[in-house]
Amino acid sequence: MGILIYGLINSLDLILMSIGFALAYGVSRVPNFAHGALFILGGYLTWLFLFRFNIPYLFSALLAVIITALIGAGLYRFIIIRVRGMPISEIIASFGVGLAILEFLRWTGLRGTTYMLPSFFRGGVYIFDIPVDFQRITIVLSGIAILVFIWLFTSYTKTGLALKAIAQNERAGLVLGIDSDRAAMIAVAIGAALAAIAGIIILPLGNIIVETGYEVLIFAIAVSVCGGLGSLKGAVLASFIIGYAQMLTVSYIAPHYHFVVAMLVIVIVLITRPSGLFGKQKELEERV
């Protein structure tokens, strides 16, 4: 029962970490390798507004999400757009920005146990005799809420439908008058906002440190590769596969191997099914 409950929590944790990366790639076909840095930046800005400027927690988090989204939009508008269509250059450009953000934060003193976000709610409950704190319950509820929001946004709003159209067929979207660059910029901005939200919700379980940004990026890539690049439903399913695989590894092998599981998933998927569970990129090559 403990594996079942904490596997669910870990899976929703991975969904929060990776959904912004998957959404941005699904629309823009741009792999935003600054994703982990934006995750940390969202948490750090919240801490800064909360403890240095004494702004209430909710407003601090809201400001951090807005600023991170604007940084994501600026990243696309002024950097990625100039190399769009060149995959290697896109990766180098976005990773370079992420590296600059993380190492700048390290240079300013973001290390050790100095920076910690308080939990939203103190205490916990017992679920089938398994103790679960309220912060982890918040992660589960937030992950479900974000998935529902993305579904509603992409199904019932004009902007969301435009993003969905570009993701499905960019040329057809252009014929219908949709600006693909504008759609891509919005998608990267939303992805950055989702990364910041994930950081604000998850980081109260630990410290705000630079190394976490690199780990989050690797987990996001692992989930996206396993599920199929550009597929949101694939990312959700992959999060549960990796989440429970990690929990079984922690329970029956050793806790420090949980990171190896994500790397192993990438290797196995690339060998057996390069397009991932729901991906289409290598469909023709696999048939041939």
C-alpha atoms as a PDB file:
ATOM      1  CA  MET A   1       0.000   0.000   0.000  1.00  0.00           C
ATOM      2  CA  GLY A   2       2.897   2.344   0.716  1.00  0.00           C
ATOM      3  CA  ILE A   3       4.318   1.694  -2.768  1.00  0.00           C
ATOM      4  CA  LEU A   4       0.881   2.292  -4.300  1.00  0.00           C
ATOM      5  CA  ILE A   5       0.303   5.609  -2.499  1.00  0.00           C
ATOM      6  CA  TYR A   6       3.811   7.031  -2.753  1.00  0.00           C
ATOM      7  CA  GLY A   7       4.133   5.756  -6.322  1.00  0.00           C
ATOM      8  CA  LEU A   8       1.060   7.837  -7.169  1.00  0.00           C
ATOM      9  CA  ILE A   9       2.588  10.868  -5.449  1.00  0.00           C
ATOM     10  CA  ASN A  10       5.900  10.370  -7.254  1.00  0.00           C
ATOM     11  CA  SER A  11       4.092   9.998 -10.592  1.00  0.00           C
ATOM     12  CA  LEU A  12       2.160  13.260 -10.125  1.00  0.00           C
ATOM     13  CA  ASP A  13       5.464  14.824  -9.055  1.00  0.00           C
ATOM     14  CA  LEU A  14       6.963  13.821 -12.415  1.00  0.00           C
ATOM     15  CA  ILE A  15       3.894  15.103 -14.267  1.00  0.00           C
ATOM     16  CA  LEU A  16       4.328  18.520 -12.651  1.00  0.00           C
ATOM     17  CA  MET A  17       8.034  18.535 -13.535  1.00  0.00           C
ATOM     18  CA  SER A  18       7.587  17.501 -17.169  1.00  0.00           C
ATOM     19  CA  ILE A  19       4.219  18.754 -18.428  1.00  0.00           C
ATOM     20  CA  GLY A  20       5.552  22.230 -19.266  1.00  0.00           C
ATOM     21  CA  PHE A  21       8.432  20.763 -21.275  1.00  0.00           C
ATOM     22  CA  ALA A  22       6.064  18.406 -23.149  1.00  0.00           C
ATOM     23  CA  LEU A  23       3.530  21.165 -23.873  1.00  0.00           C
ATOM     24  CA  ALA A  24       6.140  23.596 -25.212  1.00  0.00           C
ATOM     25  CA  TYR A  25       7.666  20.942 -27.468  1.00  0.00           C
ATOM     26  CA  GLY A  26       4.289  19.659 -28.613  1.00  0.00           C
ATOM     27  CA  VAL A  27       3.316  23.065 -30.025  1.00  0.00           C
ATOM     28  CA  SER A  28       6.608  24.698 -31.005  1.00  0.00           C
ATOM     29  CA  ARG A  29       8.724  21.564 -31.644  1.00  0.00           C
ATOM     30  CA  VAL A  30      11.368  23.415 -29.632  1.00  0.00           C
ATOM     31  CA  PRO A  31      13.062  21.396 -26.852  1.00  0.00           C
ATOM     32  CA  ASN A  32      13.335  23.987 -24.072  1.00  0.00           C
ATOM     33  CA  PHE A  33      16.468  22.857 -22.234  1.00  0.00           C
ATOM     34  CA  ALA A  34      16.120  25.846 -19.883  1.00  0.00           C
ATOM     35  CA  HIS A  35      13.156  24.037 -18.280  1.00  0.00           C
ATOM     36  CA  GLY A  36      15.031  22.967 -15.146  1.00  0.00           C
ATOM     37  CA  ALA A  37      16.408  26.477 -14.644  1.00  0.00           C
ATOM     38  CA  LEU A  38      12.895  27.952 -14.902  1.00  0.00           C
ATOM     39  CA  PHE A  39      11.733  25.399 -12.302  1.00  0.00           C
ATOM     40  CA  ILE A  40      14.360  26.631  -9.836  1.00  0.00           C
ATOM     41  CA  LEU A  41      13.846  30.273 -10.789  1.00  0.00           C
ATOM     42  CA  GLY A  42      10.141  30.064  -9.946  1.00  0.00           C
ATOM     43  CA  GLY A  43      10.931  28.736  -6.480  1.00  0.00           C
ATOM     44  CA  TYR A  44      13.754  31.212  -5.898  1.00  0.00           C
ATOM     45  CA  LEU A  45      11.679  34.248  -6.946  1.00  0.00           C
ATOM     46  CA  THR A  46       8.886  33.106  -4.619  1.00  0.00           C
ATOM     47  CA  TRP A  47      11.380  32.853  -1.753  1.00  0.00           C
ATOM     48  CA  LEU A  48      12.808  36.277  -2.633  1.00  0.00           C
ATOM     49  CA  PHE A  49       9.424  38.025  -2.677  1.00  0.00           C
ATOM     50  CA  LEU A  50       8.292  36.204   0.453  1.00  0.00           C
ATOM     51  CA  PHE A  51      11.295  36.725   2.733  1.00  0.00           C
ATOM     52  CA  ARG A  52      13.074  39.763   1.316  1.00  0.00           C
ATOM     53  CA  PHE A  53      10.081  41.892   0.307  1.00  0.00           C
ATOM     54  CA  ASN A  54       7.574  40.458   2.816  1.00  0.00           C
ATOM     55  CA  ILE A  55       4.915  39.878   0.161  1.00  0.00           C
ATOM     56  CA  PRO A  56       2.226  37.312   1.138  1.00  0.00           C
ATOM     57  CA  TYR A  57       2.926  33.762  -0.010  1.00  0.00           C
ATOM     58  CA  LEU A  58       0.140  33.579  -2.595  1.00  0.00           C
ATOM     59  CA  PHE A  59       1.081  36.892  -4.239  1.00  0.00           C
ATOM     60  CA  SER A  60       4.780  35.979  -4.141  1.00  0.00           C
ATOM     61  CA  ALA A  61       4.017  32.755  -5.996  1.00  0.00           C
ATOM     62  CA  LEU A  62       1.800  34.587  -8.509  1.00  0.00           C
ATOM     63  CA  LEU A  63       4.498  37.185  -9.238  1.00  0.00           C
ATOM     64  CA  ALA A  64       7.119  34.450  -9.632  1.00  0.00           C
ATOM     65  CA  VAL A  65       4.943  32.562 -12.137  1.00  0.00           C
ATOM     66  CA  ILE A  66       4.239  35.719 -14.173  1.00  0.00           C
ATOM     67  CA  ILE A  67       7.913  36.741 -14.296  1.00  0.00           C
ATOM     68  CA  THR A  68       9.016  33.222 -15.238  1.00  0.00           C
ATOM     69  CA  ALA A  69       6.399  33.099 -18.018  1.00  0.00           C
ATOM     70  CA  LEU A  70       7.672  36.421 -19.365  1.00  0.00           C
ATOM     71  CA  ILE A  71      11.242  35.092 -19.295  1.00  0.00           C
ATOM     72  CA  GLY A  72      10.059  32.035 -21.239  1.00  0.00           C
ATOM     73  CA  ALA A  73       8.355  34.250 -23.823  1.00  0.00           C
ATOM     74  CA  GLY A  74      11.488  36.409 -24.078  1.00  0.00           C
ATOM     75  CA  LEU A  75      13.644  33.297 -24.475  1.00  0.00           C
ATOM     76  CA  TYR A  76      11.657  32.307 -27.548  1.00  0.00           C
ATOM     77  CA  ARG A  77      11.126  35.807 -28.945  1.00  0.00           C
ATOM     78  CA  PHE A  78      14.739  36.968 -28.815  1.00  0.00           C
ATOM     79  CA  ILE A  79      16.833  33.774 -28.932  1.00  0.00           C
ATOM     80  CA  ILE A  80      15.114  30.562 -30.021  1.00  0.00           C
ATOM     81  CA  ILE A  81      13.214  32.140 -32.906  1.00  0.00           C
ATOM     82  CA  ARG A  82      16.559  32.955 -34.556  1.00  0.00           C
ATOM     83  CA  VAL A  83      17.599  29.296 -34.622  1.00  0.00           C
ATOM     84  CA  ARG A  84      14.188  27.654 -34.947  1.00  0.00           C
ATOM     85  CA  GLY A  85      14.272  24.722 -37.307  1.00  0.00           C
ATOM     86  CA  MET A  86      17.876  23.871 -36.409  1.00  0.00           C
ATOM     87  CA  PRO A  87      17.463  21.214 -33.664  1.00  0.00           C
ATOM     88  CA  ILE A  88      21.042  21.220 -32.398  1.00  0.00           C
ATOM     89  CA  SER A  89      21.139  25.014 -32.250  1.00  0.00           C
ATOM     90  CA  GLU A  90      17.799  25.084 -30.417  1.00  0.00           C
ATOM     91  CA  ILE A  91      19.138  22.712 -27.783  1.00  0.00           C
ATOM     92  CA  ILE A  92      22.415  24.610 -27.375  1.00  0.00           C
ATOM     93  CA  ALA A  93      20.696  28.017 -27.214  1.00  0.00           C
ATOM     94  CA  SER A  94      18.054  27.023 -24.664  1.00  0.00           C
ATOM     95  CA  PHE A  95      20.473  24.982 -22.551  1.00  0.00           C
ATOM     96  CA  GLY A  96      22.935  27.877 -22.610  1.00  0.00           C
ATOM     97  CA  VAL A  97      20.271  30.221 -21.224  1.00  0.00           C
ATOM     98  CA  GLY A  98      19.311  27.683 -18.572  1.00  0.00           C
ATOM     99  CA  LEU A  99      22.948  27.159 -17.634  1.00  0.00           C
ATOM    100  CA  ALA A 100      23.452  30.919 -17.343  1.00  0.00           C
ATOM    101  CA  ILE A 101      20.406  31.250 -15.050  1.00  0.00           C
ATOM    102  CA  LEU A 102      21.411  28.378 -12.775  1.00  0.00           C
ATOM    103  CA  GLU A 103      25.057  29.340 -12.490  1.00  0.00           C
ATOM    104  CA  PHE A 104      24.134  32.984 -11.875  1.00  0.00           C
ATOM    105  CA  LEU A 105      21.913  31.842  -9.005  1.00  0.00           C
ATOM    106  CA  ARG A 106      24.760  29.688  -7.680  1.00  0.00           C
ATOM    107  CA  TRP A 107      27.103  32.700  -7.899  1.00  0.00           C
ATOM    108  CA  THR A 108      24.632  34.778  -5.869  1.00  0.00           C
ATOM    109  CA  GLY A 109      24.698  32.162  -3.091  1.00  0.00           C
ATOM    110  CA  LEU A 110      21.972  29.647  -3.971  1.00  0.00           C
ATOM    111  CA  ARG A 111      23.456  26.640  -2.224  1.00  0.00           C
ATOM    112  CA  GLY A 112      23.170  24.650   0.979  1.00  0.00           C
ATOM    113  CA  THR A 113      20.096  24.927   3.207  1.00  0.00           C
ATOM    114  CA  THR A 114      19.800  28.728   3.099  1.00  0.00           C
ATOM    115  CA  TYR A 115      16.813  28.848   0.748  1.00  0.00           C
ATOM    116  CA  MET A 116      13.715  26.899   1.741  1.00  0.00           C
ATOM    117  CA  LEU A 117      10.062  27.485   0.935  1.00  0.00           C
ATOM    118  CA  PRO A 118       7.569  26.841   3.733  1.00  0.00           C
ATOM    119  CA  SER A 119       4.955  24.144   3.272  1.00  0.00           C
ATOM    120  CA  PHE A 120       1.514  25.305   2.212  1.00  0.00           C
ATOM    121  CA  PHE A 121      -0.124  23.254   4.963  1.00  0.00           C
ATOM    122  CA  ARG A 122       1.399  21.673   8.067  1.00  0.00           C
ATOM    123  CA  GLY A 123       0.610  18.230   9.331  1.00  0.00           C
ATOM    124  CA  GLY A 124      -0.662  15.180   7.542  1.00  0.00           C
ATOM    125  CA  VAL A 125      -3.090  12.295   7.506  1.00  0.00           C
ATOM    126  CA  TYR A 126      -3.064   8.504   7.450  1.00  0.00           C
ATOM    127  CA  ILE A 127      -4.301   6.840   4.249  1.00  0.00           C
ATOM    128  CA  PHE A 128      -4.756   3.081   4.789  1.00  0.00           C
ATOM    129  CA  ASP A 129      -2.370   3.385   7.754  1.00  0.00           C
ATOM    130  CA  ILE A 130       0.258   5.095   5.564  1.00  0.00           C
ATOM    131  CA  PRO A 131       1.319   8.579   6.798  1.00  0.00           C
ATOM    132  CA  VAL A 132       1.107  11.246   4.075  1.00  0.00           C
ATOM    133  CA  ASP A 133       1.828  14.921   4.724  1.00  0.00           C
ATOM    134  CA  PHE A 134      -0.443  17.623   3.355  1.00  0.00           C
ATOM    135  CA  GLN A 135       2.251  19.020   1.048  1.00  0.00           C
ATOM    136  CA  ARG A 136       2.366  15.755  -0.889  1.00  0.00           C
ATOM    137  CA  ILE A 137      -1.415  15.689  -1.049  1.00  0.00           C
ATOM    138  CA  THR A 138      -1.159  19.205  -2.500  1.00  0.00           C
ATOM    139  CA  ILE A 139       1.187  17.860  -5.190  1.00  0.00           C
ATOM    140  CA  VAL A 140      -1.360  15.198  -6.196  1.00  0.00           C
ATOM    141  CA  LEU A 141      -4.297  17.618  -6.287  1.00  0.00           C
ATOM    142  CA  SER A 142      -2.252  20.259  -8.141  1.00  0.00           C
ATOM    143  CA  GLY A 143      -1.090  17.749 -10.743  1.00  0.00           C
ATOM    144  CA  ILE A 144      -4.660  16.635 -11.423  1.00  0.00           C
ATOM    145  CA  ALA A 145      -5.891  20.252 -11.501  1.00  0.00           C
ATOM    146  CA  ILE A 146      -3.202  21.263 -14.029  1.00  0.00           C
ATOM    147  CA  LEU A 147      -4.034  18.332 -16.314  1.00  0.00           C
ATOM    148  CA  VAL A 148      -7.728  19.275 -16.223  1.00  0.00           C
ATOM    149  CA  PHE A 149      -6.847  22.935 -16.881  1.00  0.00           C
ATOM    150  CA  ILE A 150      -4.685  22.058 -19.905  1.00  0.00           C
ATOM    151  CA  TRP A 151      -7.450  19.869 -21.327  1.00  0.00           C
ATOM    152  CA  LEU A 152     -10.066  22.606 -20.880  1.00  0.00           C
ATOM    153  CA  PHE A 153      -7.706  25.291 -22.212  1.00  0.00           C
ATOM    154  CA  THR A 154      -6.792  23.375 -25.362  1.00  0.00           C
ATOM    155  CA  SER A 155     -10.369  22.228 -26.003  1.00  0.00           C
ATOM    156  CA  TYR A 156     -12.549  25.247 -25.265  1.00  0.00           C
ATOM    157  CA  THR A 157     -10.523  28.447 -25.708  1.00  0.00           C
ATOM    158  CA  LYS A 158      -9.586  30.172 -28.947  1.00  0.00           C
ATOM    159  CA  THR A 159      -5.897  30.397 -28.022  1.00  0.00           C
ATOM    160  CA  GLY A 160      -5.829  26.794 -26.853  1.00  0.00           C
ATOM    161  CA  LEU A 161      -7.446  25.544 -30.045  1.00  0.00           C
ATOM    162  CA  ALA A 162      -4.906  27.537 -32.075  1.00  0.00           C
ATOM    163  CA  LEU A 163      -2.060  25.897 -30.155  1.00  0.00           C
ATOM    164  CA  LYS A 164      -3.658  22.496 -30.682  1.00  0.00           C
ATOM    165  CA  ALA A 165      -4.006  23.148 -34.422  1.00  0.00           C
ATOM    166  CA  ILE A 166      -0.346  24.149 -34.776  1.00  0.00           C
ATOM    167  CA  ALA A 167       0.706  21.087 -32.783  1.00  0.00           C
ATOM    168  CA  GLN A 168      -1.310  18.771 -35.042  1.00  0.00           C
ATOM    169  CA  ASN A 169      -0.415  20.328 -38.400  1.00  0.00           C
ATOM    170  CA  GLU A 170       1.582  23.544 -38.622  1.00  0.00           C
ATOM    171  CA  ARG A 171       1.054  24.035 -42.357  1.00  0.00           C
ATOM    172  CA  ALA A 172      -2.709  23.657 -42.068  1.00  0.00           C
ATOM    173  CA  GLY A 173      -2.668  26.094 -39.154  1.00  0.00           C
ATOM    174  CA  LEU A 174      -0.776  28.639 -41.246  1.00  0.00           C
ATOM    175  CA  VAL A 175      -3.347  28.291 -44.037  1.00  0.00           C
ATOM    176  CA  LEU A 176      -6.062  29.080 -41.478  1.00  0.00           C
ATOM    177  CA  GLY A 177      -4.253  32.269 -40.491  1.00  0.00           C
ATOM    178  CA  ILE A 178      -2.624  31.118 -37.254  1.00  0.00           C
ATOM    179  CA  ASP A 179       0.727  32.741 -36.552  1.00  0.00           C
ATOM    180  CA  SER A 180       2.966  29.780 -35.729  1.00  0.00           C
ATOM    181  CA  ASP A 181       5.687  31.916 -34.126  1.00  0.00           C
ATOM    182  CA  ARG A 182       3.143  33.616 -31.855  1.00  0.00           C
ATOM    183  CA  ALA A 183       1.660  30.223 -30.958  1.00  0.00           C
ATOM    184  CA  ALA A 184       5.119  28.839 -30.232  1.00  0.00           C
ATOM    185  CA  MET A 185       5.993  31.832 -28.037  1.00  0.00           C
ATOM    186  CA  ILE A 186       2.755  31.398 -26.062  1.00  0.00           C
ATOM    187  CA  ALA A 187       3.445  27.669 -25.673  1.00  0.00           C
ATOM    188  CA  VAL A 188       6.992  28.261 -24.379  1.00  0.00           C
ATOM    189  CA  ALA A 189       5.673  30.943 -21.994  1.00  0.00           C
ATOM    190  CA  ILE A 190       2.980  28.576 -20.675  1.00  0.00           C
ATOM    191  CA  GLY A 191       5.593  25.839 -20.350  1.00  0.00           C
ATOM    192  CA  ALA A 192       7.801  28.208 -18.344  1.00  0.00           C
ATOM    193  CA  ALA A 193       4.847  29.136 -16.119  1.00  0.00           C
ATOM    194  CA  LEU A 194       4.080  25.456 -15.522  1.00  0.00           C
ATOM    195  CA  ALA A 195       7.743  24.861 -14.621  1.00  0.00           C
ATOM    196  CA  ALA A 196       7.552  27.703 -12.085  1.00  0.00           C
ATOM    197  CA  ILE A 197       4.296  26.359 -10.620  1.00  0.00           C
ATOM    198  CA  ALA A 198       5.874  22.922 -10.290  1.00  0.00           C
ATOM    199  CA  GLY A 199       8.872  24.439  -8.493  1.00  0.00           C
ATOM    200  CA  ILE A 200       6.686  26.369  -6.075  1.00  0.00           C
ATOM    201  CA  ILE A 201       4.647  23.257  -5.231  1.00  0.00           C
ATOM    202  CA  ILE A 202       7.481  20.697  -5.060  1.00  0.00           C
ATOM    203  CA  LEU A 203      10.395  22.660  -3.576  1.00  0.00           C
ATOM    204  CA  PRO A 204       8.838  22.998  -0.079  1.00  0.00           C
ATOM    205  CA  LEU A 205       9.737  19.298   0.301  1.00  0.00           C
ATOM    206  CA  GLY A 206      13.442  20.198   0.144  1.00  0.00           C
ATOM    207  CA  ASN A 207      15.919  23.007  -0.430  1.00  0.00           C
ATOM    208  CA  ILE A 208      16.152  25.352  -3.405  1.00  0.00           C
ATOM    209  CA  ILE A 209      19.492  24.350  -4.912  1.00  0.00           C
ATOM    210  CA  VAL A 210      20.992  24.580  -8.394  1.00  0.00           C
ATOM    211  CA  GLU A 211      21.539  20.832  -8.736  1.00  0.00           C
ATOM    212  CA  THR A 212      17.778  20.231  -8.568  1.00  0.00           C
ATOM    213  CA  GLY A 213      17.380  22.233 -11.789  1.00  0.00           C
ATOM    214  CA  TYR A 214      19.603  19.799 -13.692  1.00  0.00           C
ATOM    215  CA  GLU A 215      17.751  16.807 -12.214  1.00  0.00           C
ATOM    216  CA  VAL A 216      14.352  18.234 -13.173  1.00  0.00           C
ATOM    217  CA  LEU A 217      15.528  18.755 -16.758  1.00  0.00           C
ATOM    218  CA  ILE A 218      16.690  15.131 -16.971  1.00  0.00           C
ATOM    219  CA  PHE A 219      13.395  13.841 -15.536  1.00  0.00           C
ATOM    220  CA  ALA A 220      11.424  16.010 -17.990  1.00  0.00           C
ATOM    221  CA  ILE A 221      13.457  14.658 -20.919  1.00  0.00           C
ATOM    222  CA  ALA A 222      13.059  11.067 -19.690  1.00  0.00           C
ATOM    223  CA  VAL A 223       9.278  11.415 -19.385  1.00  0.00           C
ATOM    224  CA  SER A 224       8.956  13.118 -22.786  1.00  0.00           C
ATOM    225  CA  VAL A 225      11.180  10.572 -24.579  1.00  0.00           C
ATOM    226  CA  CYS A 226       9.367   7.647 -22.980  1.00  0.00           C
ATOM    227  CA  GLY A 227       5.900   9.040 -23.711  1.00  0.00           C
ATOM    228  CA  GLY A 228       6.776  10.320 -27.168  1.00  0.00           C
ATOM    229  CA  LEU A 229       8.032  13.823 -27.855  1.00  0.00           C
ATOM    230  CA  GLY A 230       5.099  16.173 -28.322  1.00  0.00           C
ATOM    231  CA  SER A 231       2.477  13.871 -26.776  1.00  0.00           C
ATOM    232  CA  LEU A 232       0.843  15.080 -23.556  1.00  0.00           C
ATOM    233  CA  LYS A 233      -1.009  11.817 -22.932  1.00  0.00           C
ATOM    234  CA  GLY A 234       2.262   9.982 -23.524  1.00  0.00           C
ATOM    235  CA  ALA A 235       3.970  12.198 -20.940  1.00  0.00           C
ATOM    236  CA  VAL A 236       1.254  11.409 -18.397  1.00  0.00           C
ATOM    237  CA  LEU A 237       1.491   7.653 -18.973  1.00  0.00           C
ATOM    238  CA  ALA A 238       5.299   7.760 -18.928  1.00  0.00           C
ATOM    239  CA  SER A 239       5.212   9.666 -15.621  1.00  0.00           C
ATOM    240  CA  PHE A 240       3.272   6.804 -14.028  1.00  0.00           C
ATOM    241  CA  ILE A 241       5.584   4.168 -15.520  1.00  0.00           C
ATOM    242  CA  ILE A 242       8.749   5.932 -14.336  1.00  0.00           C
ATOM    243  CA  GLY A 243       7.170   7.032 -11.051  1.00  0.00           C
ATOM    244  CA  TYR A 244       6.233   3.518  -9.986  1.00  0.00           C
ATOM    245  CA  ALA A 245       9.479   2.076 -11.361  1.00  0.00           C
ATOM    246  CA  GLN A 246      11.397   4.521  -9.170  1.00  0.00           C
ATOM    247  CA  MET A 247       9.297   3.666  -6.129  1.00  0.00           C
ATOM    248  CA  LEU A 248       9.854  -0.077  -6.627  1.00  0.00           C
ATOM    249  CA  THR A 249      13.588   0.589  -7.023  1.00  0.00           C
ATOM    250  CA  VAL A 250      13.710   2.626  -3.814  1.00  0.00           C
ATOM    251  CA  SER A 251      11.733  -0.029  -1.914  1.00  0.00           C
ATOM    252  CA  TYR A 252      13.503  -3.174  -3.093  1.00  0.00           C
ATOM    253  CA  ILE A 253      16.977  -2.141  -4.270  1.00  0.00           C
ATOM    254  CA  ALA A 254      18.358   1.152  -2.907  1.00  0.00           C
ATOM    255  CA  PRO A 255      17.130   4.775  -2.701  1.00  0.00           C
ATOM    256  CA  HIS A 256      20.088   6.237  -4.604  1.00  0.00           C
ATOM    257  CA  TYR A 257      19.215   4.181  -7.706  1.00  0.00           C
ATOM    258  CA  HIS A 258      15.969   6.085  -8.348  1.00  0.00           C
ATOM    259  CA  PHE A 259      17.826   8.539 -10.608  1.00  0.00           C
ATOM    260  CA  VAL A 260      19.322   5.675 -12.625  1.00  0.00           C
ATOM    261  CA  VAL A 261      15.808   4.468 -13.470  1.00  0.00           C
ATOM    262  CA  ALA A 262      15.104   7.607 -15.534  1.00  0.00           C
ATOM    263  CA  MET A 263      18.359   7.152 -17.472  1.00  0.00           C
ATOM    264  CA  LEU A 264      17.601   3.476 -18.027  1.00  0.00           C
ATOM    265  CA  VAL A 265      14.140   4.301 -19.373  1.00  0.00           C
ATOM    266  CA  ILE A 266      15.639   6.671 -21.960  1.00  0.00           C
ATOM    267  CA  VAL A 267      18.099   4.008 -23.147  1.00  0.00           C
ATOM    268  CA  ILE A 268      15.488   1.214 -23.329  1.00  0.00           C
ATOM    269  CA  VAL A 269      12.920   3.362 -25.158  1.00  0.00           C
ATOM    270  CA  LEU A 270      15.456   4.662 -27.683  1.00  0.00           C
ATOM    271  CA  ILE A 271      16.526   1.083 -28.427  1.00  0.00           C
ATOM    272  CA  THR A 272      13.084  -0.543 -28.604  1.00  0.00           C
ATOM    273  CA  ARG A 273      10.804   2.273 -29.777  1.00  0.00           C
ATOM    274  CA  PRO A 274      12.608   5.502 -30.705  1.00  0.00           C
ATOM    275  CA  SER A 275       9.336   7.423 -31.135  1.00  0.00           C
ATOM    276  CA  GLY A 276       8.177   6.657 -27.592  1.00  0.00           C
ATOM    277  CA  LEU A 277       4.800   5.294 -26.513  1.00  0.00           C
ATOM    278  CA  PHE A 278       2.703   7.813 -28.474  1.00  0.00           C
ATOM    279  CA  GLY A 279       5.291   9.561 -30.626  1.00  0.00           C
ATOM    280  CA  LYS A 280       5.198   9.775 -34.416  1.00  0.00           C
ATOM    281  CA  GLN A 281       8.678  11.087 -35.249  1.00  0.00           C
ATOM    282  CA  LYS A 282      10.189   7.693 -36.175  1.00  0.00           C
ATOM    283  CA  GLU A 283       7.041   5.911 -37.304  1.00  0.00           C
ATOM    284  CA  LEU A 284       8.140   5.598 -40.959  1.00  0.00           C
ATOM    285  CA  GLU A 285      11.649   4.417 -40.103  1.00  0.00           C
ATOM    286  CA  GLU A 286      10.258   1.788 -37.713  1.00  0.00           C
ATOM    287  CA  ARG A 287       7.917   0.433 -40.410  1.00  0.00           C
ATOM    288  CA  VAL A 288      10.765   0.265 -42.907  1.00  0.00           C
END
